[in-house]
Amino acid sequence: MTKPDFPSKGAFHDTLTSTNDRRHEGADLSSNTQRLYVDRVAKFAQYFGKSPELLGPEDVRTYQLKT
């Protein structure tokens, strides 16, 4: 069985790093702010019928224009 060929650096690595950074930033937010953030992200994901992890900047722009 061969291992999948994953890049050690690059866009995938940068995405994971920024996701982890955002996760740590959330520790400084009030519980109300965190609830509102999660609610908005859920609505964004529901609009496209996809996980927010699969959506990108162009989807954000589309969502902002349509809602």
Protein backbone atom coordinates (compact mmCIF):
# COMPACT_ATOMS: atom_id res chain seq x y z
CA MET A 1 0.00 0.00 0.00
CA THR A 2 1.42 3.40 -0.95
CA LYS A 3 1.16 6.50 1.16
CA PRO A 4 -0.70 9.50 -0.30
CA ASP A 5 1.58 12.23 -1.56
CA PHE A 6 0.86 15.22 0.70
CA PRO A 7 2.84 18.41 0.39
CA SER A 8 4.91 19.20 3.46
CA LYS A 9 4.51 22.94 2.95
CA GLY A 10 2.42 25.17 0.74
CA ALA A 11 -1.24 26.15 0.59
CA PHE A 12 -2.51 23.17 2.57
CA HIS A 13 0.00 23.80 5.37
CA ASP A 14 -0.78 27.54 5.35
CA THR A 15 -4.51 26.83 5.61
CA LEU A 16 -4.04 24.54 8.60
CA THR A 17 -1.76 27.04 10.27
CA SER A 18 -4.19 29.92 9.82
CA THR A 19 -7.09 27.73 11.02
CA ASN A 20 -5.16 26.88 14.18
CA ASP A 21 -4.26 30.54 14.69
CA ARG A 22 -7.94 31.53 14.40
CA ARG A 23 -8.89 28.79 16.86
CA HIS A 24 -6.50 30.24 19.44
CA GLU A 25 -7.75 33.78 18.80
CA GLY A 26 -11.25 32.61 19.72
CA ALA A 27 -10.11 32.02 23.29
CA ASP A 28 -10.10 35.81 23.80
CA LEU A 29 -13.70 36.26 22.58
CA SER A 30 -16.67 36.48 24.91
CA SER A 31 -19.02 33.51 24.95
CA ASN A 32 -21.71 35.63 23.24
CA THR A 33 -19.31 36.63 20.45
CA GLN A 34 -18.29 32.99 19.99
CA ARG A 35 -21.97 31.92 19.76
CA LEU A 36 -22.70 34.63 17.19
CA TYR A 37 -19.62 33.67 15.16
CA VAL A 38 -20.59 29.99 15.12
CA ASP A 39 -24.16 30.90 14.15
CA ARG A 40 -22.98 33.06 11.22
CA VAL A 41 -20.54 30.43 9.99
CA ALA A 42 -23.31 27.81 10.17
CA LYS A 43 -25.63 30.03 8.09
CA PHE A 44 -22.85 30.63 5.58
CA ALA A 45 -22.21 26.89 5.25
CA GLN A 46 -25.93 26.10 4.99
CA TYR A 47 -26.32 28.63 2.17
CA PHE A 48 -23.88 26.63 0.05
CA GLY A 49 -24.76 23.21 1.46
CA LYS A 50 -21.09 22.53 2.24
CA SER A 51 -18.71 22.45 5.16
CA PRO A 52 -17.15 25.88 5.77
CA GLU A 53 -13.77 24.17 5.40
CA LEU A 54 -14.61 23.60 1.72
CA LEU A 55 -15.54 27.22 1.06
CA GLY A 56 -13.17 30.01 0.15
CA PRO A 57 -12.87 33.76 -0.38
CA GLU A 58 -14.93 33.76 -3.57
CA ASP A 59 -17.76 32.01 -1.70
CA VAL A 60 -17.59 34.68 1.00
CA ARG A 61 -17.94 37.39 -1.64
CA THR A 62 -20.87 35.58 -3.26
CA TYR A 63 -22.57 35.13 0.12
CA GLN A 64 -22.11 38.79 1.00
CA LEU A 65 -23.66 39.90 -2.29
CA LYS A 66 -26.62 37.49 -2.10
CA THR A 67 -27.61 38.01 1.53
